[in-house]
Amino acid sequence: ACRIDGMMDRVKELGQTAIAITDHGVMYGCIDFYKAAKAAG
């Protein structure tokens, strides 16, 4: 249920510096995830 953009906001809020994407059986979200994470530092 995690939206990628909102996920990055929450990671920053928690003071975390990294996060993994491990979707079930697919890599559909990897590019959007990578770009969103990089943009958020």
PDB file of all heavy atoms in Angstrom:
ATOM      1  N   ALA A   1       0.806  -1.222   0.000  1.00  0.00           N
ATOM      2  CA  ALA A   1       0.000   0.000   0.000  1.00  0.00           C
ATOM      3  C   ALA A   1       0.838   1.271   0.000  1.00  0.00           C
ATOM      4  O   ALA A   1       0.294   2.362  -0.080  1.00  0.00           O
ATOM      5  CB  ALA A   1      -0.932   0.003   1.206  1.00  0.00           C
ATOM      6  N   CYS A   2       2.153   1.148   0.118  1.00  0.00           N
ATOM      7  CA  CYS A   2       3.017   2.332   0.209  1.00  0.00           C
ATOM      8  C   CYS A   2       3.167   3.006  -1.149  1.00  0.00           C
ATOM      9  O   CYS A   2       3.603   2.372  -2.118  1.00  0.00           O
ATOM     10  CB  CYS A   2       4.404   1.938   0.716  1.00  0.00           C
ATOM     11  SG  CYS A   2       4.439   1.340   2.390  1.00  0.00           S
ATOM     12  N   ARG A   3       2.833   4.278  -1.221  1.00  0.00           N
ATOM     13  CA  ARG A   3       3.079   5.081  -2.415  1.00  0.00           C
ATOM     14  C   ARG A   3       4.528   5.548  -2.360  1.00  0.00           C
ATOM     15  O   ARG A   3       5.001   6.000  -1.313  1.00  0.00           O
ATOM     16  CB  ARG A   3       2.148   6.279  -2.456  1.00  0.00           C
ATOM     17  CG  ARG A   3       0.672   5.907  -2.431  1.00  0.00           C
ATOM     18  CD  ARG A   3       0.190   5.497  -3.792  1.00  0.00           C
ATOM     19  NE  ARG A   3      -1.231   5.171  -3.775  1.00  0.00           N
ATOM     20  CZ  ARG A   3      -1.892   4.712  -4.816  1.00  0.00           C
ATOM     21  NH1 ARG A   3      -1.257   4.519  -5.952  1.00  0.00           N
ATOM     22  NH2 ARG A   3      -3.164   4.449  -4.736  1.00  0.00           N
ATOM     23  N   ILE A   4       5.227   5.463  -3.466  1.00  0.00           N
ATOM     24  CA  ILE A   4       6.660   5.750  -3.473  1.00  0.00           C
ATOM     25  C   ILE A   4       6.967   7.176  -3.007  1.00  0.00           C
ATOM     26  O   ILE A   4       7.849   7.378  -2.162  1.00  0.00           O
ATOM     27  CB  ILE A   4       7.260   5.468  -4.866  1.00  0.00           C
ATOM     28  CG1 ILE A   4       7.314   3.954  -5.101  1.00  0.00           C
ATOM     29  CG2 ILE A   4       8.650   6.078  -4.998  1.00  0.00           C
ATOM     30  CD1 ILE A   4       7.715   3.542  -6.499  1.00  0.00           C
ATOM     31  N   ASP A   5       6.269   8.168  -3.519  1.00  0.00           N
ATOM     32  CA  ASP A   5       6.553   9.553  -3.120  1.00  0.00           C
ATOM     33  C   ASP A   5       6.319   9.770  -1.630  1.00  0.00           C
ATOM     34  O   ASP A   5       7.136  10.362  -0.936  1.00  0.00           O
ATOM     35  CB  ASP A   5       5.696  10.523  -3.939  1.00  0.00           C
ATOM     36  CG  ASP A   5       6.140  10.585  -5.390  1.00  0.00           C
ATOM     37  OD1 ASP A   5       7.318  10.254  -5.642  1.00  0.00           O
ATOM     38  OD2 ASP A   5       5.329  10.953  -6.242  1.00  0.00           O
ATOM     39  N   GLY A   6       5.202   9.292  -1.129  1.00  0.00           N
ATOM     40  CA  GLY A   6       4.912   9.431   0.294  1.00  0.00           C
ATOM     41  C   GLY A   6       5.894   8.662   1.164  1.00  0.00           C
ATOM     42  O   GLY A   6       6.216   9.080   2.282  1.00  0.00           O
ATOM     43  N   MET A   7       6.386   7.546   0.639  1.00  0.00           N
ATOM     44  CA  MET A   7       7.357   6.733   1.361  1.00  0.00           C
ATOM     45  C   MET A   7       8.628   7.520   1.649  1.00  0.00           C
ATOM     46  O   MET A   7       9.172   7.470   2.763  1.00  0.00           O
ATOM     47  CB  MET A   7       7.685   5.480   0.541  1.00  0.00           C
ATOM     48  CG  MET A   7       8.718   4.555   1.161  1.00  0.00           C
ATOM     49  SD  MET A   7       9.280   3.295  -0.011  1.00  0.00           S
ATOM     50  CE  MET A   7       7.773   2.400  -0.313  1.00  0.00           C
ATOM     51  N   MET A   8       9.101   8.273   0.671  1.00  0.00           N
ATOM     52  CA  MET A   8      10.329   9.040   0.855  1.00  0.00           C
ATOM     53  C   MET A   8      10.147  10.141   1.904  1.00  0.00           C
ATOM     54  O   MET A   8      11.056  10.395   2.701  1.00  0.00           O
ATOM     55  CB  MET A   8      10.788   9.639  -0.465  1.00  0.00           C
ATOM     56  CG  MET A   8      11.114   8.603  -1.527  1.00  0.00           C
ATOM     57  SD  MET A   8      12.242   7.301  -0.935  1.00  0.00           S
ATOM     58  CE  MET A   8      11.933   6.033  -2.164  1.00  0.00           C
ATOM     59  N   ASP A   9       8.973  10.746   1.932  1.00  0.00           N
ATOM     60  CA  ASP A   9       8.687  11.755   2.965  1.00  0.00           C
ATOM     61  C   ASP A   9       8.757  11.123   4.350  1.00  0.00           C
ATOM     62  O   ASP A   9       9.303  11.714   5.283  1.00  0.00           O
ATOM     63  CB  ASP A   9       7.304  12.369   2.746  1.00  0.00           C
ATOM     64  CG  ASP A   9       7.227  13.207   1.477  1.00  0.00           C
ATOM     65  OD1 ASP A   9       8.294  13.668   1.012  1.00  0.00           O
ATOM     66  OD2 ASP A   9       6.109  13.395   0.967  1.00  0.00           O
ATOM     67  N   ARG A  10       8.213   9.929   4.469  1.00  0.00           N
ATOM     68  CA  ARG A  10       8.201   9.241   5.771  1.00  0.00           C
ATOM     69  C   ARG A  10       9.608   8.812   6.191  1.00  0.00           C
ATOM     70  O   ARG A  10       9.973   8.915   7.356  1.00  0.00           O
ATOM     71  CB  ARG A  10       7.283   8.020   5.689  1.00  0.00           C
ATOM     72  CG  ARG A  10       7.148   7.251   6.986  1.00  0.00           C
ATOM     73  CD  ARG A  10       6.553   8.089   8.093  1.00  0.00           C
ATOM     74  NE  ARG A  10       6.285   7.268   9.276  1.00  0.00           N
ATOM     75  CZ  ARG A  10       6.228   7.753  10.516  1.00  0.00           C
ATOM     76  NH1 ARG A  10       6.387   9.051  10.737  1.00  0.00           N
ATOM     77  NH2 ARG A  10       5.995   6.961  11.520  1.00  0.00           N
ATOM     78  N   VAL A  11      10.403   8.343   5.237  1.00  0.00           N
ATOM     79  CA  VAL A  11      11.785   7.945   5.530  1.00  0.00           C
ATOM     80  C   VAL A  11      12.561   9.138   6.086  1.00  0.00           C
ATOM     81  O   VAL A  11      13.282   9.023   7.092  1.00  0.00           O
ATOM     82  CB  VAL A  11      12.475   7.371   4.262  1.00  0.00           C
ATOM     83  CG1 VAL A  11      13.975   7.199   4.496  1.00  0.00           C
ATOM     84  CG2 VAL A  11      11.855   6.036   3.881  1.00  0.00           C
ATOM     85  N   LYS A  12      12.411  10.299   5.454  1.00  0.00           N
ATOM     86  CA  LYS A  12      13.098  11.508   5.921  1.00  0.00           C
ATOM     87  C   LYS A  12      12.590  11.925   7.298  1.00  0.00           C
ATOM     88  O   LYS A  12      13.368  12.319   8.162  1.00  0.00           O
ATOM     89  CB  LYS A  12      12.895  12.640   4.912  1.00  0.00           C
ATOM     90  CG  LYS A  12      13.646  12.445   3.609  1.00  0.00           C
ATOM     91  CD  LYS A  12      13.504  13.626   2.677  1.00  0.00           C
ATOM     92  CE  LYS A  12      14.381  14.778   3.150  1.00  0.00           C
ATOM     93  NZ  LYS A  12      14.426  15.874   2.144  1.00  0.00           N
ATOM     94  N   GLU A  13      11.291  11.811   7.496  1.00  0.00           N
ATOM     95  CA  GLU A  13      10.684  12.169   8.785  1.00  0.00           C
ATOM     96  C   GLU A  13      11.257  11.326   9.918  1.00  0.00           C
ATOM     97  O   GLU A  13      11.451  11.806  11.038  1.00  0.00           O
ATOM     98  CB  GLU A  13       9.173  11.981   8.686  1.00  0.00           C
ATOM     99  CG  GLU A  13       8.392  12.354   9.933  1.00  0.00           C
ATOM    100  CD  GLU A  13       6.910  12.070   9.780  1.00  0.00           C
ATOM    101  OE1 GLU A  13       6.391  12.099   8.644  1.00  0.00           O
ATOM    102  OE2 GLU A  13       6.262  11.808  10.814  1.00  0.00           O
ATOM    103  N   LEU A  14      11.548  10.072   9.615  1.00  0.00           N
ATOM    104  CA  LEU A  14      12.083   9.150  10.624  1.00  0.00           C
ATOM    105  C   LEU A  14      13.598   9.273  10.781  1.00  0.00           C
ATOM    106  O   LEU A  14      14.192   8.590  11.613  1.00  0.00           O
ATOM    107  CB  LEU A  14      11.721   7.705  10.253  1.00  0.00           C
ATOM    108  CG  LEU A  14      10.232   7.357  10.310  1.00  0.00           C
ATOM    109  CD1 LEU A  14       9.983   5.982   9.719  1.00  0.00           C
ATOM    110  CD2 LEU A  14       9.724   7.419  11.754  1.00  0.00           C
ATOM    111  N   GLY A  15      14.220  10.108   9.968  1.00  0.00           N
ATOM    112  CA  GLY A  15      15.660  10.303  10.073  1.00  0.00           C
ATOM    113  C   GLY A  15      16.465   9.167   9.490  1.00  0.00           C
ATOM    114  O   GLY A  15      17.650   9.013   9.790  1.00  0.00           O
ATOM    115  N   GLN A  16      15.838   8.373   8.623  1.00  0.00           N
ATOM    116  CA  GLN A  16      16.533   7.263   7.983  1.00  0.00           C
ATOM    117  C   GLN A  16      17.196   7.754   6.694  1.00  0.00           C
ATOM    118  O   GLN A  16      16.734   8.705   6.075  1.00  0.00           O
ATOM    119  CB  GLN A  16      15.562   6.113   7.719  1.00  0.00           C
ATOM    120  CG  GLN A  16      14.972   5.556   9.016  1.00  0.00           C
ATOM    121  CD  GLN A  16      13.835   4.573   8.789  1.00  0.00           C
ATOM    122  OE1 GLN A  16      13.462   4.273   7.668  1.00  0.00           O
ATOM    123  NE2 GLN A  16      13.263   4.077   9.881  1.00  0.00           N
ATOM    124  N   THR A  17      18.270   7.089   6.306  1.00  0.00           N
ATOM    125  CA  THR A  17      19.065   7.573   5.176  1.00  0.00           C
ATOM    126  C   THR A  17      18.991   6.681   3.935  1.00  0.00           C
ATOM    127  O   THR A  17      19.519   7.043   2.886  1.00  0.00           O
ATOM    128  CB  THR A  17      20.537   7.695   5.590  1.00  0.00           C
ATOM    129  OG1 THR A  17      21.003   6.410   6.048  1.00  0.00           O
ATOM    130  CG2 THR A  17      20.705   8.701   6.721  1.00  0.00           C
ATOM    131  N   ALA A  18      18.344   5.531   4.044  1.00  0.00           N
ATOM    132  CA  ALA A  18      18.261   4.598   2.918  1.00  0.00           C
ATOM    133  C   ALA A  18      17.008   3.757   3.051  1.00  0.00           C
ATOM    134  O   ALA A  18      16.443   3.623   4.149  1.00  0.00           O
ATOM    135  CB  ALA A  18      19.495   3.697   2.876  1.00  0.00           C
ATOM    136  N   ILE A  19      16.574   3.187   1.940  1.00  0.00           N
ATOM    137  CA  ILE A  19      15.427   2.265   1.958  1.00  0.00           C
ATOM    138  C   ILE A  19      15.495   1.368   0.724  1.00  0.00           C
ATOM    139  O   ILE A  19      16.008   1.773  -0.327  1.00  0.00           O
ATOM    140  CB  ILE A  19      14.081   3.029   2.002  1.00  0.00           C
ATOM    141  CG1 ILE A  19      12.917   2.051   2.205  1.00  0.00           C
ATOM    142  CG2 ILE A  19      13.888   3.884   0.758  1.00  0.00           C
ATOM    143  CD1 ILE A  19      11.599   2.733   2.546  1.00  0.00           C
ATOM    144  N   ALA A  20      14.996   0.150   0.877  1.00  0.00           N
ATOM    145  CA  ALA A  20      14.978  -0.804  -0.237  1.00  0.00           C
ATOM    146  C   ALA A  20      13.573  -0.938  -0.794  1.00  0.00           C
ATOM    147  O   ALA A  20      12.583  -0.730  -0.090  1.00  0.00           O
ATOM    148  CB  ALA A  20      15.480  -2.170   0.225  1.00  0.00           C
ATOM    149  N   ILE A  21      13.509  -1.290  -2.065  1.00  0.00           N
ATOM    150  CA  ILE A  21      12.244  -1.679  -2.694  1.00  0.00           C
ATOM    151  C   ILE A  21      12.335  -3.170  -2.990  1.00  0.00           C
ATOM    152  O   ILE A  21      13.291  -3.630  -3.619  1.00  0.00           O
ATOM    153  CB  ILE A  21      11.971  -0.867  -3.979  1.00  0.00           C
ATOM    154  CG1 ILE A  21      10.630  -1.274  -4.603  1.00  0.00           C
ATOM    155  CG2 ILE A  21      13.110  -0.986  -4.988  1.00  0.00           C
ATOM    156  CD1 ILE A  21      10.198  -0.377  -5.768  1.00  0.00           C
ATOM    157  N   THR A  22      11.361  -3.941  -2.487  1.00  0.00           N
ATOM    158  CA  THR A  22      11.380  -5.393  -2.697  1.00  0.00           C
ATOM    159  C   THR A  22       9.980  -5.871  -3.049  1.00  0.00           C
ATOM    160  O   THR A  22       9.370  -6.658  -2.316  1.00  0.00           O
ATOM    161  CB  THR A  22      11.901  -6.144  -1.449  1.00  0.00           C
ATOM    162  OG1 THR A  22      11.098  -5.798  -0.311  1.00  0.00           O
ATOM    163  CG2 THR A  22      13.347  -5.794  -1.154  1.00  0.00           C
ATOM    164  N   ASP A  23       9.461  -5.373  -4.143  1.00  0.00           N
ATOM    165  CA  ASP A  23       8.116  -5.768  -4.553  1.00  0.00           C
ATOM    166  C   ASP A  23       8.079  -7.244  -4.932  1.00  0.00           C
ATOM    167  O   ASP A  23       9.074  -7.835  -5.325  1.00  0.00           O
ATOM    168  CB  ASP A  23       7.642  -4.898  -5.724  1.00  0.00           C
ATOM    169  CG  ASP A  23       7.249  -3.508  -5.270  1.00  0.00           C
ATOM    170  OD1 ASP A  23       6.620  -3.388  -4.204  1.00  0.00           O
ATOM    171  OD2 ASP A  23       7.588  -2.536  -5.968  1.00  0.00           O
ATOM    172  N   HIS A  24       6.882  -7.808  -4.833  1.00  0.00           N
ATOM    173  CA  HIS A  24       6.712  -9.246  -5.068  1.00  0.00           C
ATOM    174  C   HIS A  24       6.822  -9.609  -6.539  1.00  0.00           C
ATOM    175  O   HIS A  24       5.954  -9.297  -7.344  1.00  0.00           O
ATOM    176  CB  HIS A  24       5.357  -9.716  -4.551  1.00  0.00           C
ATOM    177  CG  HIS A  24       5.362 -10.110  -3.111  1.00  0.00           C
ATOM    178  ND1 HIS A  24       6.179 -11.092  -2.613  1.00  0.00           N
ATOM    179  CD2 HIS A  24       4.654  -9.649  -2.056  1.00  0.00           C
ATOM    180  CE1 HIS A  24       5.972 -11.227  -1.317  1.00  0.00           C
ATOM    181  NE2 HIS A  24       5.067 -10.350  -0.944  1.00  0.00           N
ATOM    182  N   GLY A  25       7.930 -10.264  -6.899  1.00  0.00           N
ATOM    183  CA  GLY A  25       8.082 -10.851  -8.220  1.00  0.00           C
ATOM    184  C   GLY A  25       8.318  -9.888  -9.358  1.00  0.00           C
ATOM    185  O   GLY A  25       8.498 -10.325 -10.500  1.00  0.00           O
ATOM    186  N   VAL A  26       8.300  -8.559  -9.080  1.00  0.00           N
ATOM    187  CA  VAL A  26       8.389  -7.591 -10.177  1.00  0.00           C
ATOM    188  C   VAL A  26       9.358  -6.463  -9.833  1.00  0.00           C
ATOM    189  O   VAL A  26       9.708  -6.254  -8.673  1.00  0.00           O
ATOM    190  CB  VAL A  26       7.009  -6.973 -10.512  1.00  0.00           C
ATOM    191  CG1 VAL A  26       6.009  -8.050 -10.899  1.00  0.00           C
ATOM    192  CG2 VAL A  26       6.483  -6.152  -9.341  1.00  0.00           C
ATOM    193  N   MET A  27       9.750  -5.734 -10.882  1.00  0.00           N
ATOM    194  CA  MET A  27      10.614  -4.558 -10.708  1.00  0.00           C
ATOM    195  C   MET A  27       9.971  -3.324 -11.349  1.00  0.00           C
ATOM    196  O   MET A  27      10.651  -2.363 -11.685  1.00  0.00           O
ATOM    197  CB  MET A  27      11.986  -4.838 -11.325  1.00  0.00           C
ATOM    198  CG  MET A  27      12.751  -5.964 -10.649  1.00  0.00           C
ATOM    199  SD  MET A  27      14.333  -6.321 -11.453  1.00  0.00           S
ATOM    200  CE  MET A  27      15.271  -4.852 -11.026  1.00  0.00           C
ATOM    201  N   TYR A  28       8.655  -3.337 -11.484  1.00  0.00           N
ATOM    202  CA  TYR A  28       7.954  -2.250 -12.174  1.00  0.00           C
ATOM    203  C   TYR A  28       8.211  -0.883 -11.548  1.00  0.00           C
ATOM    204  O   TYR A  28       8.240   0.129 -12.245  1.00  0.00           O
ATOM    205  CB  TYR A  28       6.443  -2.497 -12.167  1.00  0.00           C
ATOM    206  CG  TYR A  28       5.992  -3.782 -12.795  1.00  0.00           C
ATOM    207  CD1 TYR A  28       4.919  -4.493 -12.263  1.00  0.00           C
ATOM    208  CD2 TYR A  28       6.613  -4.303 -13.933  1.00  0.00           C
ATOM    209  CE1 TYR A  28       4.476  -5.675 -12.833  1.00  0.00           C
ATOM    210  CE2 TYR A  28       6.175  -5.484 -14.509  1.00  0.00           C
ATOM    211  CZ  TYR A  28       5.105  -6.171 -13.957  1.00  0.00           C
ATOM    212  OH  TYR A  28       4.683  -7.338 -14.516  1.00  0.00           O
ATOM    213  N   GLY A  29       8.380  -0.850 -10.236  1.00  0.00           N
ATOM    214  CA  GLY A  29       8.500   0.430  -9.554  1.00  0.00           C
ATOM    215  C   GLY A  29       9.921   0.929  -9.365  1.00  0.00           C
ATOM    216  O   GLY A  29      10.124   2.014  -8.800  1.00  0.00           O
ATOM    217  N   CYS A  30      10.899   0.176  -9.828  1.00  0.00           N
ATOM    218  CA  CYS A  30      12.298   0.481  -9.487  1.00  0.00           C
ATOM    219  C   CYS A  30      12.781   1.841 -10.012  1.00  0.00           C
ATOM    220  O   CYS A  30      13.498   2.550  -9.302  1.00  0.00           O
ATOM    221  CB  CYS A  30      13.219  -0.628  -9.988  1.00  0.00           C
ATOM    222  SG  CYS A  30      13.084  -2.148  -9.004  1.00  0.00           S
ATOM    223  N   ILE A  31      12.402   2.205 -11.218  1.00  0.00           N
ATOM    224  CA  ILE A  31      12.874   3.478 -11.777  1.00  0.00           C
ATOM    225  C   ILE A  31      12.254   4.648 -11.017  1.00  0.00           C
ATOM    226  O   ILE A  31      12.958   5.587 -10.611  1.00  0.00           O
ATOM    227  CB  ILE A  31      12.560   3.568 -13.284  1.00  0.00           C
ATOM    228  CG1 ILE A  31      13.235   2.420 -14.055  1.00  0.00           C
ATOM    229  CG2 ILE A  31      12.999   4.925 -13.828  1.00  0.00           C
ATOM    230  CD1 ILE A  31      14.745   2.386 -13.938  1.00  0.00           C
ATOM    231  N   ASP A  32      10.928   4.607 -10.816  1.00  0.00           N
ATOM    232  CA  ASP A  32      10.263   5.666 -10.051  1.00  0.00           C
ATOM    233  C   ASP A  32      10.825   5.747  -8.632  1.00  0.00           C
ATOM    234  O   ASP A  32      11.027   6.836  -8.099  1.00  0.00           O
ATOM    235  CB  ASP A  32       8.757   5.419  -9.986  1.00  0.00           C
ATOM    236  CG  ASP A  32       8.067   5.616 -11.331  1.00  0.00           C
ATOM    237  OD1 ASP A  32       8.690   6.242 -12.223  1.00  0.00           O
ATOM    238  OD2 ASP A  32       6.931   5.152 -11.492  1.00  0.00           O
ATOM    239  N   PHE A  33      11.070   4.588  -8.032  1.00  0.00           N
ATOM    240  CA  PHE A  33      11.623   4.511  -6.677  1.00  0.00           C
ATOM    241  C   PHE A  33      13.011   5.156  -6.630  1.00  0.00           C
ATOM    242  O   PHE A  33      13.307   5.965  -5.745  1.00  0.00           O
ATOM    243  CB  PHE A  33      11.690   3.048  -6.253  1.00  0.00           C
ATOM    244  CG  PHE A  33      12.381   2.801  -4.944  1.00  0.00           C
ATOM    245  CD1 PHE A  33      11.690   2.875  -3.743  1.00  0.00           C
ATOM    246  CD2 PHE A  33      13.732   2.460  -4.901  1.00  0.00           C
ATOM    247  CE1 PHE A  33      12.328   2.634  -2.532  1.00  0.00           C
ATOM    248  CE2 PHE A  33      14.379   2.221  -3.710  1.00  0.00           C
ATOM    249  CZ  PHE A  33      13.667   2.306  -2.522  1.00  0.00           C
ATOM    250  N   TYR A  34      13.848   4.801  -7.593  1.00  0.00           N
ATOM    251  CA  TYR A  34      15.216   5.324  -7.646  1.00  0.00           C
ATOM    252  C   TYR A  34      15.201   6.846  -7.784  1.00  0.00           C
ATOM    253  O   TYR A  34      15.908   7.557  -7.064  1.00  0.00           O
ATOM    254  CB  TYR A  34      15.966   4.684  -8.812  1.00  0.00           C
ATOM    255  CG  TYR A  34      17.399   5.154  -8.961  1.00  0.00           C
ATOM    256  CD1 TYR A  34      18.424   4.540  -8.253  1.00  0.00           C
ATOM    257  CD2 TYR A  34      17.723   6.214  -9.800  1.00  0.00           C
ATOM    258  CE1 TYR A  34      19.740   4.964  -8.381  1.00  0.00           C
ATOM    259  CE2 TYR A  34      19.029   6.649  -9.925  1.00  0.00           C
ATOM    260  CZ  TYR A  34      20.035   6.025  -9.218  1.00  0.00           C
ATOM    261  OH  TYR A  34      21.332   6.464  -9.340  1.00  0.00           O
ATOM    262  N   LYS A  35      14.392   7.345  -8.705  1.00  0.00           N
ATOM    263  CA  LYS A  35      14.330   8.787  -8.939  1.00  0.00           C
ATOM    264  C   LYS A  35      13.799   9.531  -7.715  1.00  0.00           C
ATOM    265  O   LYS A  35      14.320  10.584  -7.330  1.00  0.00           O
ATOM    266  CB  LYS A  35      13.449   9.083 -10.156  1.00  0.00           C
ATOM    267  CG  LYS A  35      14.068   8.675 -11.483  1.00  0.00           C
ATOM    268  CD  LYS A  35      13.117   8.967 -12.643  1.00  0.00           C
ATOM    269  CE  LYS A  35      13.751   8.622 -13.974  1.00  0.00           C
ATOM    270  NZ  LYS A  35      12.812   8.855 -15.113  1.00  0.00           N
ATOM    271  N   ALA A  36      12.755   8.984  -7.083  1.00  0.00           N
ATOM    272  CA  ALA A  36      12.165   9.630  -5.906  1.00  0.00           C
ATOM    273  C   ALA A  36      13.144   9.646  -4.742  1.00  0.00           C
ATOM    274  O   ALA A  36      13.255  10.647  -4.023  1.00  0.00           O
ATOM    275  CB  ALA A  36      10.874   8.914  -5.509  1.00  0.00           C
ATOM    276  N   ALA A  37      13.862   8.528  -4.554  1.00  0.00           N
ATOM    277  CA  ALA A  37      14.835   8.458  -3.460  1.00  0.00           C
ATOM    278  C   ALA A  37      15.970   9.451  -3.678  1.00  0.00           C
ATOM    279  O   ALA A  37      16.354  10.179  -2.746  1.00  0.00           O
ATOM    280  CB  ALA A  37      15.376   7.037  -3.337  1.00  0.00           C
ATOM    281  N   LYS A  38      16.496   9.493  -4.884  1.00  0.00           N
ATOM    282  CA  LYS A  38      17.589  10.418  -5.195  1.00  0.00           C
ATOM    283  C   LYS A  38      17.159  11.873  -4.991  1.00  0.00           C
ATOM    284  O   LYS A  38      17.911  12.688  -4.443  1.00  0.00           O
ATOM    285  CB  LYS A  38      18.067  10.198  -6.634  1.00  0.00           C
ATOM    286  CG  LYS A  38      18.943   8.973  -6.833  1.00  0.00           C
ATOM    287  CD  LYS A  38      20.251   9.121  -6.070  1.00  0.00           C
ATOM    288  CE  LYS A  38      21.272   8.090  -6.473  1.00  0.00           C
ATOM    289  NZ  LYS A  38      22.550   8.246  -5.740  1.00  0.00           N
ATOM    290  N   ALA A  39      15.950  12.199  -5.427  1.00  0.00           N
ATOM    291  CA  ALA A  39      15.445  13.563  -5.286  1.00  0.00           C
ATOM    292  C   ALA A  39      15.286  13.953  -3.824  1.00  0.00           C
ATOM    293  O   ALA A  39      15.418  15.125  -3.459  1.00  0.00           O
ATOM    294  CB  ALA A  39      14.115  13.700  -6.018  1.00  0.00           C
ATOM    295  N   ALA A  40      15.024  12.963  -2.980  1.00  0.00           N
ATOM    296  CA  ALA A  40      14.819  13.217  -1.551  1.00  0.00           C
ATOM    297  C   ALA A  40      16.111  13.105  -0.746  1.00  0.00           C
ATOM    298  O   ALA A  40      16.107  13.293   0.470  1.00  0.00           O
ATOM    299  CB  ALA A  40      13.778  12.241  -0.996  1.00  0.00           C
ATOM    300  N   GLY A  41      17.225  12.758  -1.411  1.00  0.00           N
ATOM    301  CA  GLY A  41      18.491  12.591  -0.697  1.00  0.00           C
ATOM    302  C   GLY A  41      18.567  11.298   0.086  1.00  0.00           C
ATOM    303  O   GLY A  41      19.320  11.184   1.052  1.00  0.00           O
TER     304      GLY A  41
END
